C-alpha atoms as a PDB file:
ATOM      1  CA  MET A   1    -267.210   3.425-216.635  1.00  0.00           C
ATOM      2  CA  GLY A   2    -267.228   4.649-212.816  1.00  0.00           C
ATOM      3  CA  ILE A   3    -268.937   7.821-212.199  1.00  0.00           C
ATOM      4  CA  CYS A   4    -268.067   9.846-209.053  1.00  0.00           C
ATOM      5  CA  LEU A   5    -268.643   6.989-206.656  1.00  0.00           C
ATOM      6  CA  GLY A   6    -268.114   4.892-209.368  1.00  0.00           C
ATOM      7  CA  MET A   7    -264.525   6.349-209.943  1.00  0.00           C
ATOM      8  CA  GLN A   8    -263.612   5.872-206.363  1.00  0.00           C
ATOM      9  CA  MET A   9    -264.446   2.547-205.683  1.00  0.00           C
ATOM     10  CA  ALA A  10    -262.391   1.265-209.303  1.00  0.00           C
ATOM     11  CA  VAL A  11    -260.073   3.304-207.237  1.00  0.00           C
ATOM     12  CA  ILE A  12    -260.120   1.330-204.451  1.00  0.00           C
ATOM     13  CA  GLU A  13    -260.642  -1.933-205.967  1.00  0.00           C
ATOM     14  CA  TYR A  14    -257.302  -1.327-207.997  1.00  0.00           C
ATOM     15  CA  SER A  15    -255.683  -0.150-205.082  1.00  0.00           C
ATOM     16  CA  LYS A  16    -256.981  -3.668-203.713  1.00  0.00           C
ATOM     17  CA  ASN A  17    -256.180  -6.132-205.907  1.00  0.00           C
ATOM     18  CA  VAL A  18    -253.266  -4.446-207.990  1.00  0.00           C
ATOM     19  CA  LEU A  19    -251.353  -2.667-205.593  1.00  0.00           C
ATOM     20  CA  GLY A  20    -252.186  -5.349-202.385  1.00  0.00           C
ATOM     21  CA  LEU A  21    -253.042  -2.191-200.037  1.00  0.00           C
ATOM     22  CA  GLU A  22    -255.897  -4.830-198.056  1.00  0.00           C
ATOM     23  CA  ASP A  23    -256.924  -1.652-196.487  1.00  0.00           C
ATOM     24  CA  ALA A  24    -257.790   0.536-198.868  1.00  0.00           C
ATOM     25  CA  PHE A  25    -260.836   2.711-198.888  1.00  0.00           C
ATOM     26  CA  SER A  26    -262.509   5.877-199.041  1.00  0.00           C
ATOM     27  CA  THR A  27    -263.099   7.406-195.160  1.00  0.00           C
ATOM     28  CA  GLU A  28    -266.440   7.892-196.334  1.00  0.00           C
ATOM     29  CA  MET A  29    -267.179   4.238-195.242  1.00  0.00           C
ATOM     30  CA  LYS A  30    -264.076   3.915-193.141  1.00  0.00           C
ATOM     31  CA  LYS A  31    -262.868   6.361-191.637  1.00  0.00           C
ATOM     32  CA  ASP A  32    -260.191   5.138-189.703  1.00  0.00           C
ATOM     33  CA  CYS A  33    -258.689   3.063-193.008  1.00  0.00           C
ATOM     34  CA  LYS A  34    -254.977   2.726-193.060  1.00  0.00           C
ATOM     35  CA  ASN A  35    -254.826   3.282-196.786  1.00  0.00           C
ATOM     36  CA  PRO A  36    -257.522   5.743-197.969  1.00  0.00           C
ATOM     37  CA  VAL A  37    -256.993   5.851-201.574  1.00  0.00           C
ATOM     38  CA  ILE A  38    -260.335   8.205-201.546  1.00  0.00           C
ATOM     39  CA  ASN A  39    -260.644  10.681-198.229  1.00  0.00           C
ATOM     40  CA  LEU A  40    -262.834  13.665-197.214  1.00  0.00           C
ATOM     41  CA  MET A  41    -261.620  16.800-199.091  1.00  0.00           C
ATOM     42  CA  GLU A  42    -259.503  18.896-196.991  1.00  0.00           C
ATOM     43  CA  SER A  43    -262.269  21.821-197.173  1.00  0.00           C
ATOM     44  CA  GLN A  44    -264.749  19.504-195.337  1.00  0.00           C
ATOM     45  CA  LYS A  45    -262.730  18.637-192.847  1.00  0.00           C
ATOM     46  CA  ASN A  46    -263.668  21.082-190.130  1.00  0.00           C
ATOM     47  CA  VAL A  47    -267.181  21.229-191.942  1.00  0.00           C
ATOM     48  CA  THR A  48    -269.946  19.778-189.005  1.00  0.00           C
ATOM     49  CA  GLU A  49    -273.659  21.826-190.882  1.00  0.00           C
ATOM     50  CA  LYS A  50    -273.395  19.824-193.993  1.00  0.00           C
ATOM     51  CA  GLY A  51    -276.258  21.671-195.978  1.00  0.00           C
ATOM     52  CA  GLY A  52    -274.784  22.702-199.242  1.00  0.00           C
ATOM     53  CA  THR A  53    -270.940  22.882-198.665  1.00  0.00           C
ATOM     54  CA  MET A  54    -270.155  19.977-200.948  1.00  0.00           C
ATOM     55  CA  ARG A  55    -267.800  20.597-203.995  1.00  0.00           C
ATOM     56  CA  LEU A  56    -270.827  21.755-206.596  1.00  0.00           C
ATOM     57  CA  GLY A  57    -271.210  23.386-209.742  1.00  0.00           C
ATOM     58  CA  ALA A  58    -269.110  23.214-213.059  1.00  0.00           C
ATOM     59  CA  TRP A  59    -265.434  23.004-212.772  1.00  0.00           C
ATOM     60  CA  ASP A  60    -262.347  23.076-214.934  1.00  0.00           C
ATOM     61  CA  CYS A  61    -260.530  19.944-216.218  1.00  0.00           C
ATOM     62  CA  LYS A  62    -257.397  19.804-218.421  1.00  0.00           C
ATOM     63  CA  LEU A  63    -257.450  16.065-220.263  1.00  0.00           C
ATOM     64  CA  THR A  64    -253.829  14.615-220.886  1.00  0.00           C
ATOM     65  CA  GLU A  65    -253.340  13.909-224.875  1.00  0.00           C
ATOM     66  CA  ASN A  66    -254.045  10.424-226.405  1.00  0.00           C
ATOM     67  CA  SER A  67    -256.123   9.361-223.376  1.00  0.00           C
ATOM     68  CA  ASN A  68    -260.060   8.058-223.795  1.00  0.00           C
ATOM     69  CA  ALA A  69    -261.560  11.411-222.282  1.00  0.00           C
ATOM     70  CA  TYR A  70    -259.129  13.587-224.598  1.00  0.00           C
ATOM     71  CA  ASN A  71    -260.705  11.395-227.880  1.00  0.00           C
ATOM     72  CA  ALA A  72    -264.173  11.258-226.836  1.00  0.00           C
ATOM     73  CA  TYR A  73    -264.008  15.309-225.727  1.00  0.00           C
ATOM     74  CA  LYS A  74    -261.853  15.942-228.847  1.00  0.00           C
ATOM     75  CA  SER A  75    -260.373  18.977-226.727  1.00  0.00           C
ATOM     76  CA  GLU A  76    -257.827  19.416-223.469  1.00  0.00           C
ATOM     77  CA  ASN A  77    -259.799  21.513-221.580  1.00  0.00           C
ATOM     78  CA  ILE A  78    -263.411  20.750-220.314  1.00  0.00           C
ATOM     79  CA  SER A  79    -265.673  22.198-217.567  1.00  0.00           C
ATOM     80  CA  GLU A  80    -267.903  19.548-216.134  1.00  0.00           C
ATOM     81  CA  ARG A  81    -270.028  19.750-213.121  1.00  0.00           C
ATOM     82  CA  HIS A  82    -269.370  18.367-209.657  1.00  0.00           C
ATOM     83  CA  ARG A  83    -271.224  16.799-206.384  1.00  0.00           C
ATOM     84  CA  HIS A  84    -269.423  15.335-203.997  1.00  0.00           C
ATOM     85  CA  ARG A  85    -267.605  15.627-200.656  1.00  0.00           C
ATOM     86  CA  TYR A  86    -264.871  12.838-200.652  1.00  0.00           C
ATOM     87  CA  GLU A  87    -261.811  12.983-203.775  1.00  0.00           C
ATOM     88  CA  PHE A  88    -258.921  10.880-204.928  1.00  0.00           C
ATOM     89  CA  ASN A  89    -255.902  11.134-202.350  1.00  0.00           C
ATOM     90  CA  ASN A  90    -252.796  12.185-204.130  1.00  0.00           C
ATOM     91  CA  ASP A  91    -250.575  10.695-201.527  1.00  0.00           C
ATOM     92  CA  TYR A  92    -251.329   7.658-203.255  1.00  0.00           C
ATOM     93  CA  LEU A  93    -250.714   9.076-206.827  1.00  0.00           C
ATOM     94  CA  ASP A  94    -247.550   7.768-207.878  1.00  0.00           C
ATOM     95  CA  GLN A  95    -248.099   4.398-206.191  1.00  0.00           C
ATOM     96  CA  ILE A  96    -251.340   3.694-208.429  1.00  0.00           C
ATOM     97  CA  GLU A  97    -249.415   4.881-211.564  1.00  0.00           C
ATOM     98  CA  LEU A  98    -246.440   3.291-211.398  1.00  0.00           C
ATOM     99  CA  GLU A  99    -248.917  -0.147-211.276  1.00  0.00           C
ATOM    100  CA  GLY A 100    -250.784   1.046-214.326  1.00  0.00           C
ATOM    101  CA  MET A 101    -253.872   3.246-213.414  1.00  0.00           C
ATOM    102  CA  LYS A 102    -253.345   6.466-215.227  1.00  0.00           C
ATOM    103  CA  ALA A 103    -254.833   9.831-213.603  1.00  0.00           C
ATOM    104  CA  THR A 104    -255.900  11.890-217.313  1.00  0.00           C
ATOM    105  CA  GLY A 105    -257.582  14.518-216.448  1.00  0.00           C
ATOM    106  CA  PHE A 106    -256.665  16.772-213.295  1.00  0.00           C
ATOM    107  CA  ASN A 107    -258.584  20.221-212.346  1.00  0.00           C
ATOM    108  CA  PRO A 108    -255.684  22.589-213.184  1.00  0.00           C
ATOM    109  CA  LYS A 109    -255.989  24.848-209.983  1.00  0.00           C
ATOM    110  CA  THR A 110    -256.378  22.469-206.985  1.00  0.00           C
ATOM    111  CA  GLY A 111    -254.596  19.184-208.660  1.00  0.00           C
ATOM    112  CA  LEU A 112    -257.512  17.202-207.866  1.00  0.00           C
ATOM    113  CA  VAL A 113    -257.743  14.046-209.869  1.00  0.00           C
ATOM    114  CA  GLU A 114    -261.121  14.305-212.096  1.00  0.00           C
ATOM    115  CA  VAL A 115    -260.192  11.187-214.378  1.00  0.00           C
ATOM    116  CA  VAL A 116    -258.705   7.927-214.360  1.00  0.00           C
ATOM    117  CA  GLU A 117    -257.751   5.561-216.987  1.00  0.00           C
ATOM    118  CA  ILE A 118    -256.415   1.962-217.341  1.00  0.00           C
ATOM    119  CA  PRO A 119    -254.317   1.748-220.585  1.00  0.00           C
ATOM    120  CA  SER A 120    -254.155  -1.517-220.655  1.00  0.00           C
ATOM    121  CA  HIS A 121    -257.787  -2.154-220.904  1.00  0.00           C
ATOM    122  CA  PRO A 122    -259.783  -1.485-224.198  1.00  0.00           C
ATOM    123  CA  TRP A 123    -262.071   1.942-222.352  1.00  0.00           C
ATOM    124  CA  PHE A 124    -261.816   2.203-218.850  1.00  0.00           C
ATOM    125  CA  VAL A 125    -262.666   5.494-217.947  1.00  0.00           C
ATOM    126  CA  GLY A 126    -263.395   6.399-214.183  1.00  0.00           C
ATOM    127  CA  VAL A 127    -264.563  10.245-213.784  1.00  0.00           C
ATOM    128  CA  GLN A 128    -265.215  12.056-210.606  1.00  0.00           C
ATOM    129  CA  TYR A 129    -267.760  14.629-212.055  1.00  0.00           C
ATOM    130  CA  HIS A 130    -271.358  14.035-213.621  1.00  0.00           C
ATOM    131  CA  PRO A 131    -271.539  13.604-216.888  1.00  0.00           C
ATOM    132  CA  GLU A 132    -275.520  12.703-216.967  1.00  0.00           C
ATOM    133  CA  TYR A 133    -275.800  16.535-215.714  1.00  0.00           C
ATOM    134  CA  LYS A 134    -274.682  17.423-219.313  1.00  0.00           C
ATOM    135  CA  SER A 135    -276.357  14.786-221.152  1.00  0.00           C
ATOM    136  CA  THR A 136    -279.837  14.684-223.353  1.00  0.00           C
ATOM    137  CA  VAL A 137    -281.373  12.231-225.798  1.00  0.00           C
ATOM    138  CA  LEU A 138    -280.466  14.818-228.859  1.00  0.00           C
ATOM    139  CA  LYS A 139    -277.204  15.770-227.406  1.00  0.00           C
ATOM    140  CA  PRO A 140    -275.309  12.656-225.350  1.00  0.00           C
ATOM    141  CA  HIS A 141    -272.271  13.493-223.471  1.00  0.00           C
ATOM    142  CA  PRO A 142    -269.389  12.574-225.623  1.00  0.00           C
ATOM    143  CA  LEU A 143    -267.846   9.864-222.594  1.00  0.00           C
ATOM    144  CA  PHE A 144    -271.166   8.025-223.513  1.00  0.00           C
ATOM    145  CA  VAL A 145    -270.993   8.236-226.865  1.00  0.00           C
ATOM    146  CA  ASP A 146    -267.356   7.066-226.815  1.00  0.00           C
ATOM    147  CA  PHE A 147    -268.265   4.263-224.337  1.00  0.00           C
ATOM    148  CA  ILE A 148    -270.383   2.679-226.595  1.00  0.00           C
ATOM    149  CA  LYS A 149    -268.738   2.985-229.756  1.00  0.00           C
ATOM    150  CA  ALA A 150    -265.969   1.128-227.580  1.00  0.00           C
ATOM    151  CA  ALA A 151    -268.005  -1.383-226.363  1.00  0.00           C
ATOM    152  CA  LEU A 152    -269.800  -2.057-229.672  1.00  0.00           C
ATOM    153  CA  ALA A 153    -266.393  -2.347-231.109  1.00  0.00           C
ATOM    154  CA  GLN A 154    -265.072  -4.974-228.521  1.00  0.00           C
ATOM    155  CA  SER A 155    -268.231  -6.875-228.946  1.00  0.00           C
ATOM    156  CA  LYS A 156    -267.044  -7.741-232.566  1.00  0.00           C
ATOM    157  CA  ASN A 157    -263.993  -9.133-231.361  1.00  0.00           C
END
């Protein structure tokens, strides 16, 4: 399970090790990388006074049916909180999906990839947003619950 930067790092590593894009990276960490699979949001490219300019707050996401995320939420439409400036670079979406990592959640207005999964893995989910912001001890977030269930099931194999 990858959350925000964790999802971004999963995309970077998948791009390097499965797609063979040796210089796949995030422009946050390597501005001149040849394959910026994670890139600065377009709306941030001319921002010089950072402050509260990042993508913040609740944003809608549409999940793909029969994905791990969809099965955890038991819903196609969700809203989750964000805090980031860098995001999945959709220029690489087709190439990444051809090699097995699937985008299973998108912002319906912007097309931003919000969720990635590897269907061949027992339970691999990366999310751009922060599910921990909506999780409590008495009401844990559905992704955390589903992740624990998958880990328990896998430990019995």
